[in-house]
Amino acid sequence: MAFLFAGKQCLLFLVVLLHALILLSATSAAIAAALDNSTDLASLLAFKAASTSGGGASDNIISANWTMDAPFCTWVGVGCSRRRPRVVSLNLSSFSLQEYGLTGGVTIREDVYSFGILLLELVTGKKPVDPMFRGELNLRQWVCNAYPTAVMEIVDNNILRTEFTNLQQHSDGVNILHRCLSSIIEVGLHCSKDLPNERLLMRDVVPKLQKIKKRVLVN
């Protein structure tokens, strides 16, 4: 009963968190837009990780449909805005909340790894299948080699072009951009560590991304 009670409270927290993210003020800046999508995806993955543990019907629905192979706006029960890919509603009628909080089920850390790689893709503009990655060199290793001293050398030029223009009026604009991008990369690297038990949990990723987003919006 203790696990069931904790699970329901966790579910309530995640649902409230998703709606809180929806109500956050948005900006047209490239980093903030990417973080909007990332925080929504992180919240959904956190919900998936916590709810697909009982081996019931709801587990099958989420596990089969909530995958990184498709945009989260196409996932069963997830409703997005027509203007941009932001979550605006959740239809939980297909999920059995009584099963929530039980142990067992899928491996949570696999989605954490995928999300970490996605963050690295967002910042660098590179795909894991890019021809430049050969032999033992992959996207994560390439980013890891540049972090933290040469972060700006691997950032997507589109982000640099857009954000540099936006932050030119700020006396500390370049440093702000560097700190935010470094923080996003740090989260991505922690999520995609080789050993599953060393990766962040999705419930820890969400507040980290929210903190970075607030820093961008404030400045």
C-alpha atoms as a PDB file:
ATOM      1  CA  MET A   1       0.000   0.000   0.000  1.00  0.00           C
ATOM      2  CA  ALA A   2       2.874   2.341   0.713  1.00  0.00           C
ATOM      3  CA  PHE A   3       4.218   1.842  -2.816  1.00  0.00           C
ATOM      4  CA  LEU A   4       0.774   2.411  -4.312  1.00  0.00           C
ATOM      5  CA  PHE A   5       0.233   5.613  -2.327  1.00  0.00           C
ATOM      6  CA  ALA A   6       3.670   6.937  -3.274  1.00  0.00           C
ATOM      7  CA  GLY A   7       3.030   6.052  -6.907  1.00  0.00           C
ATOM      8  CA  LYS A   8      -0.222   8.001  -7.015  1.00  0.00           C
ATOM      9  CA  GLN A   9       1.420  11.019  -5.448  1.00  0.00           C
ATOM     10  CA  CYS A  10       4.249  10.768  -7.977  1.00  0.00           C
ATOM     11  CA  LEU A  11       1.691  10.582 -10.795  1.00  0.00           C
ATOM     12  CA  LEU A  12      -0.080  13.690  -9.507  1.00  0.00           C
ATOM     13  CA  PHE A  13       3.247  15.527  -9.301  1.00  0.00           C
ATOM     14  CA  LEU A  14       4.193  14.597 -12.866  1.00  0.00           C
ATOM     15  CA  VAL A  15       0.809  15.614 -14.270  1.00  0.00           C
ATOM     16  CA  VAL A  16       0.969  18.952 -12.441  1.00  0.00           C
ATOM     17  CA  LEU A  17       4.552  19.398 -13.650  1.00  0.00           C
ATOM     18  CA  LEU A  18       3.522  18.872 -17.262  1.00  0.00           C
ATOM     19  CA  HIS A  19       0.770  21.476 -16.990  1.00  0.00           C
ATOM     20  CA  ALA A  20       3.143  23.867 -15.228  1.00  0.00           C
ATOM     21  CA  LEU A  21       5.554  23.533 -18.123  1.00  0.00           C
ATOM     22  CA  ILE A  22       2.720  24.302 -20.539  1.00  0.00           C
ATOM     23  CA  LEU A  23       1.973  27.564 -18.699  1.00  0.00           C
ATOM     24  CA  LEU A  24       5.579  28.760 -18.587  1.00  0.00           C
ATOM     25  CA  SER A  25       6.179  31.864 -20.694  1.00  0.00           C
ATOM     26  CA  ALA A  26       7.842  31.064 -24.017  1.00  0.00           C
ATOM     27  CA  THR A  27      10.426  32.956 -26.058  1.00  0.00           C
ATOM     28  CA  SER A  28      11.413  32.816 -29.711  1.00  0.00           C
ATOM     29  CA  ALA A  29      15.066  32.224 -28.869  1.00  0.00           C
ATOM     30  CA  ALA A  30      16.446  28.975 -30.249  1.00  0.00           C
ATOM     31  CA  ILE A  31      17.757  27.665 -26.925  1.00  0.00           C
ATOM     32  CA  ALA A  32      14.537  28.377 -25.060  1.00  0.00           C
ATOM     33  CA  ALA A  33      12.496  26.716 -27.820  1.00  0.00           C
ATOM     34  CA  ALA A  34      14.656  23.616 -27.674  1.00  0.00           C
ATOM     35  CA  LEU A  35      14.379  23.539 -23.893  1.00  0.00           C
ATOM     36  CA  ASP A  36      10.586  23.838 -24.137  1.00  0.00           C
ATOM     37  CA  ASN A  37      10.517  20.620 -26.143  1.00  0.00           C
ATOM     38  CA  SER A  38      13.165  18.981 -23.972  1.00  0.00           C
ATOM     39  CA  THR A  39      11.383  19.678 -20.690  1.00  0.00           C
ATOM     40  CA  ASP A  40       8.101  18.359 -22.102  1.00  0.00           C
ATOM     41  CA  LEU A  41       9.819  15.210 -23.357  1.00  0.00           C
ATOM     42  CA  ALA A  42      11.682  14.775 -20.077  1.00  0.00           C
ATOM     43  CA  SER A  43       8.419  15.039 -18.130  1.00  0.00           C
ATOM     44  CA  LEU A  44       6.737  12.469 -20.360  1.00  0.00           C
ATOM     45  CA  LEU A  45       9.665  10.072 -20.031  1.00  0.00           C
ATOM     46  CA  ALA A  46       9.631  10.549 -16.260  1.00  0.00           C
ATOM     47  CA  PHE A  47       5.935   9.665 -16.260  1.00  0.00           C
ATOM     48  CA  LYS A  48       6.620   6.636 -18.468  1.00  0.00           C
ATOM     49  CA  ALA A  49       9.478   5.451 -16.264  1.00  0.00           C
ATOM     50  CA  ALA A  50       7.355   5.640 -13.136  1.00  0.00           C
ATOM     51  CA  SER A  51       4.183   4.133 -14.607  1.00  0.00           C
ATOM     52  CA  THR A  52       5.465   1.221 -16.721  1.00  0.00           C
ATOM     53  CA  SER A  53       6.418  -0.955 -13.799  1.00  0.00           C
ATOM     54  CA  GLY A  54       3.404  -3.089 -12.999  1.00  0.00           C
ATOM     55  CA  GLY A  55       3.190  -5.355 -16.036  1.00  0.00           C
ATOM     56  CA  GLY A  56      -0.441  -4.374 -16.685  1.00  0.00           C
ATOM     57  CA  ALA A  57      -2.431  -3.094 -19.650  1.00  0.00           C
ATOM     58  CA  SER A  58      -1.379   0.524 -19.165  1.00  0.00           C
ATOM     59  CA  ASP A  59       2.267  -0.564 -19.236  1.00  0.00           C
ATOM     60  CA  ASN A  60       1.767  -2.145 -22.647  1.00  0.00           C
ATOM     61  CA  ILE A  61       0.071   0.967 -24.022  1.00  0.00           C
ATOM     62  CA  ILE A  62       2.823   3.328 -22.888  1.00  0.00           C
ATOM     63  CA  SER A  63       5.763   1.030 -23.628  1.00  0.00           C
ATOM     64  CA  ALA A  64       4.548   0.274 -27.151  1.00  0.00           C
ATOM     65  CA  ASN A  65       3.702   3.851 -28.126  1.00  0.00           C
ATOM     66  CA  TRP A  66       5.865   6.183 -26.058  1.00  0.00           C
ATOM     67  CA  THR A  67       9.171   5.542 -27.824  1.00  0.00           C
ATOM     68  CA  MET A  68      11.963   7.751 -29.131  1.00  0.00           C
ATOM     69  CA  ASP A  69      11.238   6.449 -32.650  1.00  0.00           C
ATOM     70  CA  ALA A  70       8.361   8.912 -32.985  1.00  0.00           C
ATOM     71  CA  PRO A  71       7.810  12.562 -31.933  1.00  0.00           C
ATOM     72  CA  PHE A  72       6.184  12.780 -28.496  1.00  0.00           C
ATOM     73  CA  CYS A  73       3.232  14.678 -29.989  1.00  0.00           C
ATOM     74  CA  THR A  74       2.203  11.436 -31.747  1.00  0.00           C
ATOM     75  CA  TRP A  75       2.239   9.371 -28.549  1.00  0.00           C
ATOM     76  CA  VAL A  76      -1.056   7.887 -27.349  1.00  0.00           C
ATOM     77  CA  GLY A  77      -2.765  10.193 -24.863  1.00  0.00           C
ATOM     78  CA  VAL A  78      -0.492  13.186 -25.547  1.00  0.00           C
ATOM     79  CA  GLY A  79      -2.057  16.306 -27.027  1.00  0.00           C
ATOM     80  CA  CYS A  80       0.081  19.099 -28.513  1.00  0.00           C
ATOM     81  CA  SER A  81      -0.469  22.635 -29.717  1.00  0.00           C
ATOM     82  CA  ARG A  82      -0.998  23.085 -33.461  1.00  0.00           C
ATOM     83  CA  ARG A  83       1.407  26.006 -33.562  1.00  0.00           C
ATOM     84  CA  ARG A  84       4.435  24.247 -32.073  1.00  0.00           C
ATOM     85  CA  PRO A  85       5.311  20.889 -30.493  1.00  0.00           C
ATOM     86  CA  ARG A  86       4.335  21.666 -26.881  1.00  0.00           C
ATOM     87  CA  VAL A  87       2.202  19.420 -24.687  1.00  0.00           C
ATOM     88  CA  VAL A  88      -1.186  20.995 -23.942  1.00  0.00           C
ATOM     89  CA  SER A  89      -3.149  18.000 -22.654  1.00  0.00           C
ATOM     90  CA  LEU A  90      -2.857  14.445 -21.341  1.00  0.00           C
ATOM     91  CA  ASN A  91      -5.598  11.852 -21.818  1.00  0.00           C
ATOM     92  CA  LEU A  92      -5.034   9.310 -19.047  1.00  0.00           C
ATOM     93  CA  SER A  93      -8.278   7.396 -19.614  1.00  0.00           C
ATOM     94  CA  SER A  94      -6.406   4.471 -21.220  1.00  0.00           C
ATOM     95  CA  PHE A  95      -4.071   4.038 -18.250  1.00  0.00           C
ATOM     96  CA  SER A  96      -4.872   1.940 -15.183  1.00  0.00           C
ATOM     97  CA  LEU A  97      -3.825   4.179 -12.306  1.00  0.00           C
ATOM     98  CA  GLN A  98      -4.428   1.384  -9.794  1.00  0.00           C
ATOM     99  CA  GLU A  99      -1.310  -0.345 -11.138  1.00  0.00           C
ATOM    100  CA  TYR A 100       0.782   2.750 -10.615  1.00  0.00           C
ATOM    101  CA  GLY A 101       3.801   2.474  -8.319  1.00  0.00           C
ATOM    102  CA  LEU A 102       4.309  -1.298  -8.430  1.00  0.00           C
ATOM    103  CA  THR A 103       7.798  -2.725  -8.952  1.00  0.00           C
ATOM    104  CA  GLY A 104       9.295  -4.590 -11.941  1.00  0.00           C
ATOM    105  CA  GLY A 105       8.814  -3.902 -15.656  1.00  0.00           C
ATOM    106  CA  VAL A 106      10.971  -2.170 -18.237  1.00  0.00           C
ATOM    107  CA  THR A 107      14.411  -0.690 -17.739  1.00  0.00           C
ATOM    108  CA  ILE A 108      14.089   3.011 -16.929  1.00  0.00           C
ATOM    109  CA  ARG A 109      17.667   3.951 -17.770  1.00  0.00           C
ATOM    110  CA  GLU A 110      17.351   3.080 -21.476  1.00  0.00           C
ATOM    111  CA  ASP A 111      15.095   6.083 -22.079  1.00  0.00           C
ATOM    112  CA  VAL A 112      17.471   8.234 -20.039  1.00  0.00           C
ATOM    113  CA  TYR A 113      20.309   7.347 -22.421  1.00  0.00           C
ATOM    114  CA  SER A 114      18.191   8.151 -25.492  1.00  0.00           C
ATOM    115  CA  PHE A 115      17.158  11.484 -24.003  1.00  0.00           C
ATOM    116  CA  GLY A 116      20.786  12.355 -23.231  1.00  0.00           C
ATOM    117  CA  ILE A 117      21.810  11.692 -26.829  1.00  0.00           C
ATOM    118  CA  LEU A 118      18.860  13.797 -28.003  1.00  0.00           C
ATOM    119  CA  LEU A 119      20.098  16.749 -25.916  1.00  0.00           C
ATOM    120  CA  LEU A 120      23.563  16.421 -27.456  1.00  0.00           C
ATOM    121  CA  GLU A 121      21.961  16.388 -30.915  1.00  0.00           C
ATOM    122  CA  LEU A 122      20.003  19.570 -30.127  1.00  0.00           C
ATOM    123  CA  VAL A 123      23.096  21.469 -29.046  1.00  0.00           C
ATOM    124  CA  THR A 124      25.541  20.241 -31.701  1.00  0.00           C
ATOM    125  CA  GLY A 125      23.248  19.780 -34.682  1.00  0.00           C
ATOM    126  CA  LYS A 126      24.953  16.421 -35.264  1.00  0.00           C
ATOM    127  CA  LYS A 127      23.310  13.018 -35.591  1.00  0.00           C
ATOM    128  CA  PRO A 128      24.817   9.825 -34.137  1.00  0.00           C
ATOM    129  CA  VAL A 129      24.947   8.472 -37.716  1.00  0.00           C
ATOM    130  CA  ASP A 130      26.928  11.452 -39.041  1.00  0.00           C
ATOM    131  CA  PRO A 131      29.754  10.262 -41.362  1.00  0.00           C
ATOM    132  CA  MET A 132      32.295  12.033 -39.141  1.00  0.00           C
ATOM    133  CA  PHE A 133      31.753   9.433 -36.434  1.00  0.00           C
ATOM    134  CA  ARG A 134      33.852   6.402 -37.308  1.00  0.00           C
ATOM    135  CA  GLY A 135      35.538   3.650 -35.358  1.00  0.00           C
ATOM    136  CA  GLU A 136      35.454   4.351 -31.630  1.00  0.00           C
ATOM    137  CA  LEU A 137      34.479   8.008 -32.105  1.00  0.00           C
ATOM    138  CA  ASN A 138      30.764   8.580 -31.583  1.00  0.00           C
ATOM    139  CA  LEU A 139      28.622  11.641 -30.847  1.00  0.00           C
ATOM    140  CA  ARG A 140      28.937  11.319 -27.088  1.00  0.00           C
ATOM    141  CA  GLN A 141      32.702  10.818 -27.165  1.00  0.00           C
ATOM    142  CA  TRP A 142      33.118  13.791 -29.506  1.00  0.00           C
ATOM    143  CA  VAL A 143      31.121  16.036 -27.169  1.00  0.00           C
ATOM    144  CA  CYS A 144      32.905  14.647 -24.121  1.00  0.00           C
ATOM    145  CA  ASN A 145      36.282  15.508 -25.677  1.00  0.00           C
ATOM    146  CA  ALA A 146      35.189  19.133 -26.088  1.00  0.00           C
ATOM    147  CA  TYR A 147      33.569  19.516 -22.666  1.00  0.00           C
ATOM    148  CA  PRO A 148      34.043  21.809 -20.817  1.00  0.00           C
ATOM    149  CA  THR A 149      36.888  23.820 -22.380  1.00  0.00           C
ATOM    150  CA  ALA A 150      35.868  23.817 -26.060  1.00  0.00           C
ATOM    151  CA  VAL A 151      32.077  23.733 -25.855  1.00  0.00           C
ATOM    152  CA  MET A 152      31.522  26.653 -28.225  1.00  0.00           C
ATOM    153  CA  GLU A 153      33.509  24.878 -30.942  1.00  0.00           C
ATOM    154  CA  ILE A 154      30.974  22.052 -31.210  1.00  0.00           C
ATOM    155  CA  VAL A 155      27.733  24.043 -30.855  1.00  0.00           C
ATOM    156  CA  ASP A 156      25.393  24.143 -33.857  1.00  0.00           C
ATOM    157  CA  ASN A 157      26.109  27.256 -35.932  1.00  0.00           C
ATOM    158  CA  ASN A 158      22.382  27.993 -36.198  1.00  0.00           C
ATOM    159  CA  ILE A 159      22.156  28.327 -32.414  1.00  0.00           C
ATOM    160  CA  LEU A 160      25.244  30.503 -32.273  1.00  0.00           C
ATOM    161  CA  ARG A 161      23.995  32.773 -35.050  1.00  0.00           C
ATOM    162  CA  THR A 162      20.532  33.248 -33.549  1.00  0.00           C
ATOM    163  CA  GLU A 163      21.509  33.530 -29.914  1.00  0.00           C
ATOM    164  CA  PHE A 164      24.536  35.748 -30.462  1.00  0.00           C
ATOM    165  CA  THR A 165      22.296  38.257 -32.216  1.00  0.00           C
ATOM    166  CA  ASN A 166      19.749  38.101 -29.385  1.00  0.00           C
ATOM    167  CA  LEU A 167      22.354  38.464 -26.644  1.00  0.00           C
ATOM    168  CA  GLN A 168      24.534  41.155 -28.220  1.00  0.00           C
ATOM    169  CA  GLN A 169      22.620  43.808 -26.292  1.00  0.00           C
ATOM    170  CA  HIS A 170      23.530  42.065 -23.021  1.00  0.00           C
ATOM    171  CA  SER A 171      26.933  43.002 -21.609  1.00  0.00           C
ATOM    172  CA  ASP A 172      27.559  39.410 -20.544  1.00  0.00           C
ATOM    173  CA  GLY A 173      25.719  37.787 -23.445  1.00  0.00           C
ATOM    174  CA  VAL A 174      28.450  35.443 -24.670  1.00  0.00           C
ATOM    175  CA  ASN A 175      29.165  34.168 -21.160  1.00  0.00           C
ATOM    176  CA  ILE A 176      25.453  33.572 -20.536  1.00  0.00           C
ATOM    177  CA  LEU A 177      25.196  31.587 -23.761  1.00  0.00           C
ATOM    178  CA  HIS A 178      28.295  29.568 -22.884  1.00  0.00           C
ATOM    179  CA  ARG A 179      27.014  28.722 -19.397  1.00  0.00           C
ATOM    180  CA  CYS A 180      23.591  27.644 -20.644  1.00  0.00           C
ATOM    181  CA  LEU A 181      24.951  25.475 -23.442  1.00  0.00           C
ATOM    182  CA  SER A 182      27.531  23.945 -21.106  1.00  0.00           C
ATOM    183  CA  SER A 183      24.785  23.104 -18.616  1.00  0.00           C
ATOM    184  CA  ILE A 184      22.658  21.417 -21.290  1.00  0.00           C
ATOM    185  CA  ILE A 185      25.660  19.412 -22.497  1.00  0.00           C
ATOM    186  CA  GLU A 186      26.465  18.402 -18.930  1.00  0.00           C
ATOM    187  CA  VAL A 187      22.950  17.002 -18.500  1.00  0.00           C
ATOM    188  CA  GLY A 188      23.218  15.187 -21.834  1.00  0.00           C
ATOM    189  CA  LEU A 189      26.537  13.603 -20.884  1.00  0.00           C
ATOM    190  CA  HIS A 190      25.253  12.504 -17.479  1.00  0.00           C
ATOM    191  CA  CYS A 191      22.155  10.941 -19.055  1.00  0.00           C
ATOM    192  CA  SER A 192      24.164   9.030 -21.659  1.00  0.00           C
ATOM    193  CA  LYS A 193      26.856   7.504 -19.471  1.00  0.00           C
ATOM    194  CA  ASP A 194      27.895   3.971 -20.430  1.00  0.00           C
ATOM    195  CA  LEU A 195      26.923   2.395 -17.106  1.00  0.00           C
ATOM    196  CA  PRO A 196      23.132   2.568 -16.524  1.00  0.00           C
ATOM    197  CA  ASN A 197      23.483   3.013 -12.757  1.00  0.00           C
ATOM    198  CA  GLU A 198      25.582   6.153 -13.319  1.00  0.00           C
ATOM    199  CA  ARG A 199      22.922   7.892 -15.414  1.00  0.00           C
ATOM    200  CA  LEU A 200      20.566  10.524 -14.055  1.00  0.00           C
ATOM    201  CA  LEU A 201      16.974   9.619 -13.334  1.00  0.00           C
ATOM    202  CA  MET A 202      14.389  11.460 -15.427  1.00  0.00           C
ATOM    203  CA  ARG A 203      12.857  12.916 -12.260  1.00  0.00           C
ATOM    204  CA  ASP A 204      16.217  14.645 -11.679  1.00  0.00           C
ATOM    205  CA  VAL A 205      16.609  15.762 -15.296  1.00  0.00           C
ATOM    206  CA  VAL A 206      13.396  17.811 -15.390  1.00  0.00           C
ATOM    207  CA  PRO A 207      14.309  20.315 -12.628  1.00  0.00           C
ATOM    208  CA  LYS A 208      17.802  20.704 -14.098  1.00  0.00           C
ATOM    209  CA  LEU A 209      16.382  21.682 -17.492  1.00  0.00           C
ATOM    210  CA  GLN A 210      13.813  23.958 -15.852  1.00  0.00           C
ATOM    211  CA  LYS A 211      16.614  25.748 -14.015  1.00  0.00           C
ATOM    212  CA  ILE A 212      18.549  26.252 -17.259  1.00  0.00           C
ATOM    213  CA  LYS A 213      15.438  27.529 -19.012  1.00  0.00           C
ATOM    214  CA  LYS A 214      14.739  30.049 -16.249  1.00  0.00           C
ATOM    215  CA  ARG A 215      18.286  31.325 -16.585  1.00  0.00           C
ATOM    216  CA  VAL A 216      17.742  31.874 -20.325  1.00  0.00           C
ATOM    217  CA  LEU A 217      14.404  33.632 -19.834  1.00  0.00           C
ATOM    218  CA  VAL A 218      15.708  35.914 -17.073  1.00  0.00           C
ATOM    219  CA  ASN A 219      18.565  37.102 -19.241  1.00  0.00           C
END
